[in-house]
C-alpha cells in the first residue's frame, strides 16, 4: 500500500534513531524515562479498578472524578473547572488532537527551536506549515523579535513549552506577557506544553492556565507519576474547545484507558509529597550532570532550571549527530541537538531521569568521546 505523502514527508524522530543504535550494555541517557517508582497509590488504584471490572468503554473526555481532580490542581495557576479538562491517552496524543482540531490546511504554526520533536510533524499531519522560532541563548526564552519576524497573515498558532524539553528552560513573566500581546494583536492561539510543570528547581513555573481564553494547556501524568507506559495526559482549554477536542478524541480512541485513570485519580491526593521527593532526587542529579559536563573540556552548560534534561553546547567543528553517533558506538546513548530543530545544532541532550551511577558512567564515556574529537 502506498504511504500518504504527508506521512512520508516526516522523518523518523532523531531520539528514536539513537535509541535504535543502543547495544545491550549501553548507558541510556537518551529518553526521558523516569527510573523512579510510581506512587504506590497509583498502582493499587489501577489494580482495584481492574478487579472492580472497570475495564470497559468509558467517557470520551475521561472519568469526571479525574477531570475534577486535574482542575483542582490546575487552579493553583488559574480558574479551571472540570468542564475545562479532557483526559487524553498521553501528552503527545493531546498535542496531536489539538493540531487536528484547530489547524486548517495552509495554516502556519510557530514552534520553538530547539523544541520537542512532535510539534512540527503534528502540524504537517494536520495540513499546516510549521516555522521554527529561535530560543535565546543561555536562558532559552522564546525570542520575541524572531517570532515577530516570522508572523504572516497565515499564522494561526504559537506553540510554547515550559519547562522545556530539551533545554530545561523556563518561560518568564515578561515573555508570557509579550506572547499574549502578540496573540491578542494578531488573533492567534497559544498552545502551551506544560508537561514538565512538576519539575522546577529554581524560579517559578509561569503557566498559561489563567488565559484559557487565548491558550490551550497540555499536561501529563507519565512524567509526573513515573508511569510513562500508562500513556495518560490531559488538556485544559475553554469549555467550547473541550467540546471540539472531545469530538476529535472520540474518532482517535473512543476514550482513555480506564483502569489507569482510576490509578492516577487515587494518587492525586498524595501527589504533592511524592513530587517533592522526586524533585529533590532530580535536582541532585541535575547538579551532578552539570558538574560533570562542565568538567569536560569543550562542553558548556548552565544548570537547567526545570524538566530533567541537560542541553550543553560545545565548541568543536563537528555536527551533533556525529558526536552522538560516536557516543552510541562507545556505549552512551544521547540525542543530537539537531533532532530538536535547526537551532538545536551545536548541542547534545542528556536525560538525567536515570540514576547517578548511570550519569557518572555516561559522563566517563562522553569525556573519552569528546577527547577523541578534540585531538
Protein backbone atom coordinates (compact mmCIF):
# COMPACT_ATOMS: atom_id res chain seq x y z
CA UNK A 1 0.00 0.00 0.00
CA UNK A 2 1.29 3.46 -0.86
CA UNK A 3 2.22 5.66 2.11
CA UNK A 4 0.49 9.04 2.22
CA UNK A 5 2.64 11.98 1.15
CA UNK A 6 2.04 13.82 4.42
CA UNK A 7 3.40 10.89 6.47
CA UNK A 8 6.20 10.08 4.04
CA UNK A 9 7.42 13.69 4.27
CA UNK A 10 8.06 13.39 8.02
CA UNK A 11 11.40 11.87 9.13
CA UNK A 12 11.66 9.41 11.99
CA UNK A 13 12.40 11.03 15.34
CA UNK A 14 16.10 11.64 15.95
CA UNK A 15 15.58 10.46 19.52
CA UNK A 16 14.37 7.05 18.37
CA UNK A 17 17.17 6.80 15.81
CA UNK A 18 19.76 7.00 18.58
CA UNK A 19 17.78 4.59 20.75
CA UNK A 20 17.86 2.05 17.92
CA UNK A 21 21.68 2.22 17.90
CA UNK A 22 21.86 1.07 21.50
CA UNK A 23 23.87 -2.02 22.31
CA UNK A 24 22.80 -4.37 25.12
CA UNK A 25 25.21 -2.80 27.64
CA UNK A 26 24.77 0.84 26.62
CA UNK A 27 24.26 3.62 29.15
CA UNK A 28 20.92 5.16 28.26
CA UNK A 29 20.72 8.92 28.77
CA UNK A 30 18.64 9.48 25.65
CA UNK A 31 15.00 9.03 26.61
CA UNK A 32 13.08 10.96 29.25
CA UNK A 33 12.17 7.79 31.11
CA UNK A 34 11.96 8.32 34.89
CA UNK A 35 13.53 5.46 36.83
CA UNK A 36 11.56 6.27 39.99
CA UNK A 37 8.74 4.04 41.20
CA UNK A 38 5.21 5.39 40.77
CA UNK A 39 3.21 6.33 43.87
CA UNK A 40 2.02 3.06 45.43
CA UNK A 41 -1.49 4.53 45.49
CA UNK A 42 -1.46 4.71 41.68
CA UNK A 43 -0.58 1.03 41.31
CA UNK A 44 -3.16 -0.03 43.88
CA UNK A 45 -5.84 2.21 42.40
CA UNK A 46 -5.38 0.77 38.92
CA UNK A 47 -5.32 -2.77 40.30
CA UNK A 48 -8.52 -2.28 42.26
CA UNK A 49 -10.23 -0.66 39.27
CA UNK A 50 -9.39 -3.65 37.09
CA UNK A 51 -10.66 -6.07 39.76
CA UNK A 52 -13.86 -4.00 40.01
CA UNK A 53 -14.48 -4.62 36.27
CA UNK A 54 -13.74 -1.03 35.23
CA UNK A 55 -12.24 -2.36 32.03
CA UNK A 56 -14.92 -1.33 29.55
CA UNK A 57 -15.54 1.78 27.47
CA UNK A 58 -15.71 5.00 29.46
CA UNK A 59 -16.44 8.69 28.88
CA UNK A 60 -14.61 10.07 25.86
CA UNK A 61 -13.33 13.09 27.83
CA UNK A 62 -12.21 10.95 30.76
CA UNK A 63 -13.85 9.99 34.02
CA UNK A 64 -15.43 13.03 35.72
CA UNK A 65 -13.62 12.45 39.02
CA UNK A 66 -10.21 12.70 37.37
CA UNK A 67 -11.21 15.74 35.33
CA UNK A 68 -12.24 17.46 38.57
CA UNK A 69 -9.02 16.42 40.31
CA UNK A 70 -6.93 17.87 37.47
CA UNK A 71 -8.99 21.06 37.58
CA UNK A 72 -8.44 21.37 41.33
CA UNK A 73 -4.65 21.05 40.97
CA UNK A 74 -4.58 23.37 37.94
CA UNK A 75 -6.48 26.02 39.87
CA UNK A 76 -3.20 26.95 41.55
CA UNK A 77 -2.46 28.82 38.29
CA UNK A 78 -5.89 29.95 37.12
CA UNK A 79 -9.64 29.42 37.28
CA UNK A 80 -10.12 25.89 35.95
CA UNK A 81 -13.17 23.64 36.30
CA UNK A 82 -13.86 20.06 35.30
CA UNK A 83 -15.52 21.30 32.11
CA UNK A 84 -12.18 22.80 31.09
CA UNK A 85 -10.37 19.44 31.26
CA UNK A 86 -10.14 16.45 28.92
CA UNK A 87 -8.09 13.36 29.82
CA UNK A 88 -6.05 12.05 26.89
CA UNK A 89 -4.02 8.92 26.01
CA UNK A 90 -0.67 10.70 26.62
CA UNK A 91 0.53 14.27 26.33
CA UNK A 92 1.69 13.58 22.77
CA UNK A 93 -1.82 12.48 21.83
CA UNK A 94 -3.13 15.68 23.38
CA UNK A 95 -0.85 17.73 21.13
CA UNK A 96 -1.85 15.68 18.09
CA UNK A 97 -5.55 16.15 18.80
CA UNK A 98 -5.11 19.90 19.24
CA UNK A 99 -3.39 20.13 15.87
CA UNK A 100 -6.07 18.05 14.17
CA UNK A 101 -8.87 20.07 15.76
CA UNK A 102 -7.70 23.63 15.13
CA UNK A 103 -5.23 23.73 12.21
CA UNK A 104 -6.55 24.21 8.70
CA UNK A 105 -4.55 23.25 5.58
CA UNK A 106 -2.05 26.01 4.87
CA UNK A 107 -2.14 27.48 8.38
CA UNK A 108 1.24 28.45 9.78
CA UNK A 109 2.25 27.39 13.28
CA UNK A 110 5.28 28.82 15.06
CA UNK A 111 7.17 26.15 17.02
CA UNK A 112 10.19 26.50 19.35
CA UNK A 113 13.67 25.56 18.20
CA UNK A 114 15.26 23.79 19.89
CA UNK A 115 11.96 22.15 20.79
CA UNK A 116 10.21 18.84 21.32
CA UNK A 117 10.20 16.71 18.19
CA UNK A 118 6.43 16.32 17.62
CA UNK A 119 5.33 19.94 17.19
CA UNK A 120 6.36 20.25 13.55
CA UNK A 121 5.20 16.79 12.42
CA UNK A 122 1.82 17.22 14.12
CA UNK A 123 1.38 20.48 12.23
CA UNK A 124 2.27 18.80 8.93
CA UNK A 125 -0.08 15.88 9.57
CA UNK A 126 -2.89 18.42 10.03
CA UNK A 127 -2.01 20.05 6.71
CA UNK A 128 -0.31 23.07 8.24
CA UNK A 129 3.15 24.55 7.88
CA UNK A 130 5.49 24.79 10.89
CA UNK A 131 8.01 27.62 11.18
CA UNK A 132 10.77 27.39 13.79
CA UNK A 133 11.35 30.36 16.08
CA UNK A 134 14.62 30.71 17.92
CA UNK A 135 15.10 30.39 21.68
CA UNK A 136 17.51 32.87 23.25
CA UNK A 137 20.97 31.54 24.04
CA UNK A 138 21.65 30.73 27.67
CA UNK A 139 18.21 31.05 29.27
CA UNK A 140 16.28 29.55 26.32
CA UNK A 141 13.38 32.01 26.27
CA UNK A 142 11.24 32.41 23.13
CA UNK A 143 12.94 35.12 21.07
CA UNK A 144 10.12 37.65 20.71
CA UNK A 145 11.92 39.54 17.94
CA UNK A 146 12.31 36.35 15.91
CA UNK A 147 8.64 35.49 16.43
CA UNK A 148 7.57 38.93 15.19
CA UNK A 149 9.64 38.50 12.03
CA UNK A 150 8.04 35.11 11.31
CA UNK A 151 4.43 36.29 11.61
CA UNK A 152 2.36 36.38 8.42
CA UNK A 153 -1.32 36.61 7.56
CA UNK A 154 -1.37 32.79 7.61
CA UNK A 155 -0.06 32.43 11.19
CA UNK A 156 -2.68 30.77 13.37
CA UNK A 157 -0.90 29.34 16.41
CA UNK A 158 2.23 29.69 18.58
CA UNK A 159 3.49 26.64 20.48
CA UNK A 160 5.44 27.19 23.70
CA UNK A 161 6.98 24.68 26.11
CA UNK A 162 7.96 25.40 29.71
CA UNK A 163 9.77 23.77 31.41
CA UNK A 164 11.37 22.94 28.11
CA UNK A 165 12.30 19.66 26.53
CA UNK A 166 15.18 19.63 25.53
CA UNK A 167 16.66 22.72 27.22
CA UNK A 168 15.24 22.77 30.75
CA UNK A 169 14.49 26.49 30.26
CA UNK A 170 11.57 28.31 31.89
CA UNK A 171 9.40 31.00 30.34
CA UNK A 172 9.41 34.19 32.42
CA UNK A 173 6.54 36.54 33.18
CA UNK A 174 7.71 39.20 30.73
CA UNK A 175 7.98 36.64 27.95
CA UNK A 176 4.48 35.39 28.71
CA UNK A 177 3.14 38.96 28.61
CA UNK A 178 4.83 39.59 25.25
CA UNK A 179 3.47 36.37 23.77
CA UNK A 180 -0.06 37.18 24.90
CA UNK A 181 0.20 40.67 23.42
CA UNK A 182 1.18 39.16 20.07
CA UNK A 183 -1.64 36.61 20.27
CA UNK A 184 -4.21 39.29 21.06
CA UNK A 185 -2.97 41.74 18.43
CA UNK A 186 -2.92 39.10 15.68
CA UNK A 187 -5.84 36.96 16.91
CA UNK A 188 -3.63 33.91 17.42
CA UNK A 189 -3.90 30.97 19.79
CA UNK A 190 -1.15 29.76 22.11
CA UNK A 191 -0.61 26.06 22.77
CA UNK A 192 1.37 25.73 25.98
CA UNK A 193 3.03 22.37 26.62
CA UNK A 194 3.44 22.27 30.41
CA UNK A 195 4.01 18.53 30.85
CA UNK A 196 7.13 19.16 32.97
CA UNK A 197 5.41 21.66 35.29
CA UNK A 198 6.01 19.43 38.35
CA UNK A 199 9.80 19.70 37.92
CA UNK A 200 11.03 23.25 38.56
CA UNK A 201 14.21 23.65 40.63
CA UNK A 202 14.81 27.41 40.59
CA UNK A 203 12.42 30.23 39.86
CA UNK A 204 8.73 29.66 39.23
CA UNK A 205 6.51 27.93 36.73
CA UNK A 206 4.74 30.60 34.67
CA UNK A 207 1.58 28.97 33.33
CA UNK A 208 -0.95 29.96 30.69
CA UNK A 209 -3.74 28.30 32.69
CA UNK A 210 -5.05 31.73 33.67
CA UNK A 211 -5.62 32.60 30.00
CA UNK A 212 -7.72 29.78 28.58
CA UNK A 213 -9.49 32.43 26.50
CA UNK A 214 -6.29 32.67 24.46
CA UNK A 215 -4.37 29.48 25.29
CA UNK A 216 -4.75 25.72 25.45
CA UNK A 217 -2.56 23.97 28.02
CA UNK A 218 -1.26 20.40 27.84
CA UNK A 219 -0.20 18.44 30.93
CA UNK A 220 0.51 14.83 31.69
CA UNK A 221 0.83 12.09 34.28
CA UNK A 222 3.53 10.00 32.57
CA UNK A 223 6.42 12.06 33.89
CA UNK A 224 4.61 13.40 36.97
CA UNK A 225 3.96 9.92 38.37
CA UNK A 226 6.70 7.96 36.53
CA UNK A 227 4.07 5.95 34.62
CA UNK A 228 5.23 6.55 31.05
CA UNK A 229 3.81 3.21 29.93
CA UNK A 230 0.31 4.15 31.08
CA UNK A 231 0.08 6.87 28.40
CA UNK A 232 -2.16 9.39 30.13
CA UNK A 233 -2.19 13.15 29.73
CA UNK A 234 -4.70 15.96 29.76
CA UNK A 235 -5.76 19.19 28.07
CA UNK A 236 -7.04 22.31 29.80
CA UNK A 237 -8.96 24.63 27.48
CA UNK A 238 -12.00 26.85 27.17
CA UNK A 239 -15.20 24.81 27.53
CA UNK A 240 -16.19 25.22 23.88
CA UNK A 241 -12.75 23.99 22.79
CA UNK A 242 -13.01 20.98 25.09
CA UNK A 243 -16.25 20.13 23.32
CA UNK A 244 -14.48 20.15 19.94
CA UNK A 245 -11.50 18.21 21.31
CA UNK A 246 -13.80 15.58 22.79
CA UNK A 247 -15.31 15.03 19.34
CA UNK A 248 -11.81 14.62 17.90
CA UNK A 249 -10.79 12.23 20.69
CA UNK A 250 -13.78 10.02 20.03
CA UNK A 251 -12.54 9.47 16.49
CA UNK A 252 -8.97 8.88 17.70
CA UNK A 253 -9.50 6.39 20.53
CA UNK A 254 -13.12 6.47 21.85
CA UNK A 255 -11.83 7.02 25.41
CA UNK A 256 -8.63 6.99 27.50
CA UNK A 257 -7.50 3.81 29.28
CA UNK A 258 -9.95 3.17 32.10
CA UNK A 259 -8.03 1.34 34.90
CA UNK A 260 -5.04 3.71 34.71
CA UNK A 261 -7.34 6.73 35.06
CA UNK A 262 -8.51 5.34 38.39
CA UNK A 263 -4.92 4.68 39.39
CA UNK A 264 -3.91 8.26 38.66
CA UNK A 265 -7.02 9.52 40.45
CA UNK A 266 -6.11 7.54 43.58
CA UNK A 267 -2.61 9.06 43.57
CA UNK A 268 -3.71 12.66 43.06
CA UNK A 269 -4.46 13.07 46.77
CA UNK A 270 -0.82 12.30 47.67
CA UNK A 271 0.91 13.71 44.61
CA UNK A 272 2.49 16.81 46.17
CA UNK A 273 4.62 14.96 48.78
CA UNK A 274 5.57 12.47 46.07
CA UNK A 275 6.64 15.29 43.75
CA UNK A 276 8.62 16.99 46.49
CA UNK A 277 10.68 13.83 46.92
CA UNK A 278 11.05 13.40 43.17
CA UNK A 279 12.25 16.98 42.70
CA UNK A 280 14.92 16.53 45.35
CA UNK A 281 16.23 13.43 43.55
CA UNK A 282 16.22 15.08 40.12
CA UNK A 283 17.82 18.27 41.44
CA UNK A 284 20.72 16.26 42.90
CA UNK A 285 21.12 14.51 39.54
CA UNK A 286 20.95 17.84 37.74
CA UNK A 287 23.72 19.23 39.91
CA UNK A 288 25.82 16.13 39.28
CA UNK A 289 25.44 16.12 35.50
CA UNK A 290 26.04 19.88 35.33
CA UNK A 291 29.30 19.49 37.24
CA UNK A 292 30.39 16.53 35.12
CA UNK A 293 29.55 18.22 31.81
CA UNK A 294 31.29 21.47 32.71
CA UNK A 295 34.33 19.43 33.73
CA UNK A 296 34.74 18.18 30.14
CA UNK A 297 36.92 20.44 28.02
CA UNK A 298 34.87 21.87 25.17
CA UNK A 299 31.40 21.49 26.76
CA UNK A 300 29.46 24.33 28.39
CA UNK A 301 26.16 24.42 30.27
CA UNK A 302 24.30 26.45 32.89
CA UNK A 303 22.20 24.37 35.30
CA UNK A 304 18.78 23.73 33.71
CA UNK A 305 16.01 25.19 35.85
CA UNK A 306 13.32 22.64 35.03
CA UNK A 307 12.41 19.26 33.46
CA UNK A 308 15.15 16.60 33.59
CA UNK A 309 17.30 17.28 30.54
CA UNK A 310 20.80 18.69 30.14
CA UNK A 311 21.45 20.52 26.86
CA UNK A 312 25.10 21.56 26.76
CA UNK A 313 26.73 23.40 23.87
CA UNK A 314 30.16 22.54 22.52
CA UNK A 315 32.90 24.45 20.70
CA UNK A 316 34.08 21.84 18.17
CA UNK A 317 33.63 21.99 14.40
CA UNK A 318 31.58 18.81 14.18
CA UNK A 319 27.87 18.05 13.96
CA UNK A 320 25.87 16.92 16.96
CA UNK A 321 24.82 13.81 15.04
CA UNK A 322 28.47 12.83 14.56
CA UNK A 323 29.17 13.19 18.28
CA UNK A 324 26.00 11.31 19.28
CA UNK A 325 26.73 8.52 16.83
CA UNK A 326 30.30 8.14 18.11
CA UNK A 327 28.97 8.17 21.68
CA UNK A 328 26.48 5.41 20.77
CA UNK A 329 29.27 3.30 19.29
CA UNK A 330 31.16 3.82 22.55
CA UNK A 331 28.23 2.72 24.71
CA UNK A 332 26.47 6.01 25.56
CA UNK A 333 23.04 6.87 24.16
CA UNK A 334 22.28 10.59 23.98
CA UNK A 335 20.43 12.75 21.46
CA UNK A 336 21.95 15.17 18.94
CA UNK A 337 20.73 18.73 19.30
CA UNK A 338 19.82 18.73 15.62
CA UNK A 339 16.95 16.34 16.43
CA UNK A 340 15.20 19.29 18.09
CA UNK A 341 15.29 21.70 15.18
CA UNK A 342 17.81 23.78 13.29
CA UNK A 343 18.64 25.93 16.31
CA UNK A 344 19.47 22.80 18.31
CA UNK A 345 22.63 22.15 16.35
CA UNK A 346 25.79 22.64 18.39
CA UNK A 347 24.20 20.95 21.42
CA UNK A 348 23.64 17.47 22.83
CA UNK A 349 20.76 16.34 25.03
CA UNK A 350 21.13 14.06 28.03
CA UNK A 351 18.34 12.86 30.28
CA UNK A 352 19.07 12.84 34.00
CA UNK A 353 15.94 10.82 34.73
CA UNK A 354 18.45 7.99 35.14
CA UNK A 355 20.32 7.23 38.37
CA UNK A 356 23.60 8.82 39.48
CA UNK A 357 25.61 5.68 38.69
CA UNK A 358 24.42 5.80 35.09
CA UNK A 359 25.06 9.53 34.88
CA UNK A 360 28.64 9.07 36.08
CA UNK A 361 29.21 6.12 33.73
CA UNK A 362 27.77 8.08 30.83
CA UNK A 363 29.88 11.15 31.54
CA UNK A 364 33.01 8.98 31.71
CA UNK A 365 32.24 7.74 28.19
CA UNK A 366 31.37 11.24 27.00
CA UNK A 367 34.68 12.60 28.25
CA UNK A 368 36.54 9.99 26.23
CA UNK A 369 34.45 10.65 23.11
CA UNK A 370 34.89 14.42 23.29
CA UNK A 371 38.60 13.91 23.88
CA UNK A 372 38.85 11.97 20.62
CA UNK A 373 37.12 14.76 18.69
CA UNK A 374 39.41 17.40 20.17
CA UNK A 375 42.63 15.67 19.17
